[in-house]
Amino acid sequence: MEITLLLKSIMGLVIILALLIFLLFLPSNQKKEKEKNAPKNITPTQQRPPNTDLEYLRSIIKKKKSTTQELKEALEMVIRYHGIVHEKLGLRTHPDFDIYMDILFTICRHPNTNKDIVVKFDRELARLNPDYKQEINEAITKGLNSRRV
């Protein structure tokens, strides 16, 4: 008799547990259906602003699969938001200029670049940083000489 009472108690608890689990998931399904049916109020002006972080832009430039348009946009953003390099330290360049040399070298070697992109970036960077004109020209020369022909 004790075993039957124990089995009946276990079965009762399992049924109560199943009922509680069913009630737990039931309201969440109704909530999801309401969210699906709700109209979305997204206007074109609520777009996310572009990422202008220099490291992010460098990663786009360094990707071999970046298209010509992506390269062009990334370089325009570099000029717009990060175009001015710190002043020279006497005769030495500022350590931050190494980033720009790397960008120049990379765009010269990129498979999807063209002369218009390289020349435009070169001119704009030299216009914004006249003190670095010689170093910019050297970086362009090294980048173009390192290309595989």
Protein backbone atom coordinates (compact mmCIF):
# COMPACT_ATOMS: atom_id res chain seq x y z
CA MET A 1 0.00 0.00 0.00
CA GLU A 2 2.82 2.40 0.66
CA ILE A 3 4.25 1.91 -2.83
CA THR A 4 0.98 2.75 -4.55
CA LEU A 5 0.61 5.92 -2.47
CA LEU A 6 4.18 6.89 -3.36
CA LEU A 7 3.57 6.29 -7.08
CA LYS A 8 0.31 8.28 -7.01
CA SER A 9 2.11 11.19 -5.29
CA ILE A 10 4.92 11.17 -7.87
CA MET A 11 2.43 11.11 -10.77
CA GLY A 12 0.48 13.99 -9.23
CA LEU A 13 3.65 16.06 -8.85
CA VAL A 14 4.67 15.33 -12.48
CA ILE A 15 1.24 16.49 -13.72
CA ILE A 16 1.46 19.69 -11.63
CA LEU A 17 5.01 20.32 -12.94
CA ALA A 18 3.87 19.83 -16.55
CA LEU A 19 0.99 22.26 -15.99
CA LEU A 20 3.32 24.89 -14.52
CA ILE A 21 5.78 24.54 -17.41
CA PHE A 22 2.90 24.92 -19.87
CA LEU A 23 1.76 28.10 -18.10
CA LEU A 24 5.31 29.40 -18.03
CA PHE A 25 5.71 29.26 -21.81
CA LEU A 26 2.18 30.26 -22.75
CA PRO A 27 2.43 34.04 -21.99
CA SER A 28 5.78 34.37 -23.75
CA ASN A 29 4.29 33.04 -27.01
CA GLN A 30 1.45 35.56 -26.88
CA LYS A 31 3.95 38.35 -26.26
CA LYS A 32 6.02 37.34 -29.30
CA GLU A 33 2.91 37.28 -31.49
CA LYS A 34 2.01 40.81 -30.37
CA GLU A 35 5.54 41.99 -31.22
CA LYS A 36 5.33 40.39 -34.66
CA ASN A 37 2.00 42.07 -35.42
CA ALA A 38 3.06 45.48 -34.12
CA PRO A 39 3.94 47.95 -36.91
CA LYS A 40 7.55 48.94 -37.11
CA ASN A 41 8.22 52.67 -37.13
CA ILE A 42 11.59 52.83 -38.81
CA THR A 43 12.26 55.87 -40.92
CA PRO A 44 15.22 56.24 -43.28
CA THR A 45 16.64 59.04 -41.13
CA GLN A 46 17.16 56.67 -38.18
CA GLN A 47 20.11 54.94 -39.80
CA ARG A 48 23.21 54.27 -37.76
CA PRO A 49 26.01 56.77 -38.33
CA PRO A 50 29.08 55.30 -40.04
CA ASN A 51 31.93 54.07 -37.89
CA THR A 52 34.74 56.64 -38.14
CA ASP A 53 37.25 54.94 -35.86
CA LEU A 54 40.71 54.96 -37.48
CA GLU A 55 41.37 51.30 -36.61
CA TYR A 56 38.08 50.26 -38.20
CA LEU A 57 38.88 52.23 -41.35
CA ARG A 58 42.36 50.68 -41.48
CA SER A 59 40.82 47.22 -41.24
CA ILE A 60 38.65 47.99 -44.28
CA ILE A 61 41.71 49.20 -46.20
CA LYS A 62 43.77 46.15 -45.21
CA LYS A 63 41.09 43.63 -46.24
CA LYS A 64 42.06 42.17 -49.61
CA LYS A 65 38.39 41.62 -50.47
CA SER A 66 37.39 45.28 -50.04
CA THR A 67 35.90 46.68 -53.21
CA THR A 68 37.10 49.81 -54.94
CA GLN A 69 34.07 51.72 -53.65
CA GLU A 70 34.68 50.59 -50.06
CA LEU A 71 38.32 51.66 -50.34
CA LYS A 72 37.32 55.04 -51.71
CA GLU A 73 34.78 55.64 -48.94
CA ALA A 74 37.17 54.52 -46.20
CA LEU A 75 39.95 56.80 -47.48
CA GLU A 76 37.55 59.74 -47.72
CA MET A 77 36.55 59.15 -44.10
CA VAL A 78 40.21 58.94 -43.05
CA ILE A 79 40.82 62.33 -44.67
CA ARG A 80 37.63 63.84 -43.26
CA TYR A 81 37.97 62.67 -39.66
CA HIS A 82 41.67 61.85 -39.21
CA GLY A 83 43.41 63.82 -41.97
CA ILE A 84 45.60 66.08 -39.88
CA VAL A 85 48.74 64.52 -38.42
CA HIS A 86 50.45 65.94 -35.33
CA GLU A 87 53.32 68.35 -35.87
CA LYS A 88 56.80 66.98 -36.51
CA LEU A 89 59.11 66.47 -33.57
CA GLY A 90 62.03 68.49 -34.85
CA LEU A 91 63.31 66.63 -37.90
CA ARG A 92 61.58 63.39 -36.94
CA THR A 93 58.04 62.52 -37.84
CA HIS A 94 55.43 62.10 -35.13
CA PRO A 95 54.92 58.42 -34.17
CA ASP A 96 51.28 58.64 -35.32
CA PHE A 97 52.46 59.26 -38.89
CA ASP A 98 53.45 55.58 -39.09
CA ILE A 99 49.72 54.77 -39.30
CA TYR A 100 49.38 56.99 -42.38
CA MET A 101 52.49 55.51 -43.95
CA ASP A 102 50.98 52.07 -43.45
CA ILE A 103 47.72 53.22 -45.07
CA LEU A 104 49.62 54.68 -48.04
CA PHE A 105 51.68 51.54 -48.44
CA THR A 106 48.59 49.33 -48.17
CA ILE A 107 46.49 51.21 -50.73
CA CYS A 108 49.35 51.11 -53.21
CA ARG A 109 49.51 47.31 -52.90
CA HIS A 110 45.76 46.64 -52.66
CA PRO A 111 44.41 44.50 -55.54
CA ASN A 112 41.26 46.65 -55.99
CA THR A 113 42.90 50.06 -55.97
CA ASN A 114 43.38 52.34 -58.93
CA LYS A 115 45.48 55.40 -59.69
CA ASP A 116 42.62 57.82 -58.99
CA ILE A 117 42.21 56.57 -55.43
CA VAL A 118 45.94 56.70 -54.70
CA VAL A 119 46.46 60.13 -56.26
CA LYS A 120 43.42 61.66 -54.54
CA PHE A 121 44.46 60.36 -51.12
CA ASP A 122 48.04 61.49 -51.72
CA ARG A 123 46.97 65.03 -52.70
CA GLU A 124 44.50 65.45 -49.85
CA LEU A 125 46.92 64.17 -47.22
CA ALA A 126 49.72 66.38 -48.55
CA ARG A 127 47.37 69.39 -48.65
CA LEU A 128 46.36 68.90 -45.01
CA ASN A 129 49.92 68.14 -43.84
CA PRO A 130 52.43 70.19 -45.88
CA ASP A 131 55.26 69.41 -43.41
CA TYR A 132 54.97 65.71 -44.26
CA LYS A 133 54.93 66.10 -48.04
CA GLN A 134 58.35 64.47 -48.53
CA GLU A 135 57.52 61.52 -46.26
CA ILE A 136 54.18 61.02 -48.02
CA ASN A 137 55.90 60.92 -51.42
CA GLU A 138 58.47 58.42 -50.09
CA ALA A 139 55.71 56.15 -48.73
CA ILE A 140 53.87 56.27 -52.07
CA THR A 141 57.09 55.48 -53.94
CA LYS A 142 57.89 52.53 -51.67
CA GLY A 143 54.33 51.21 -51.98
CA LEU A 144 54.31 51.46 -55.76
CA ASN A 145 57.77 49.90 -56.06
CA SER A 146 56.70 46.96 -53.91
CA ARG A 147 53.80 46.01 -56.18
CA ARG A 148 54.04 42.81 -58.14
CA VAL A 149 53.98 43.56 -61.83
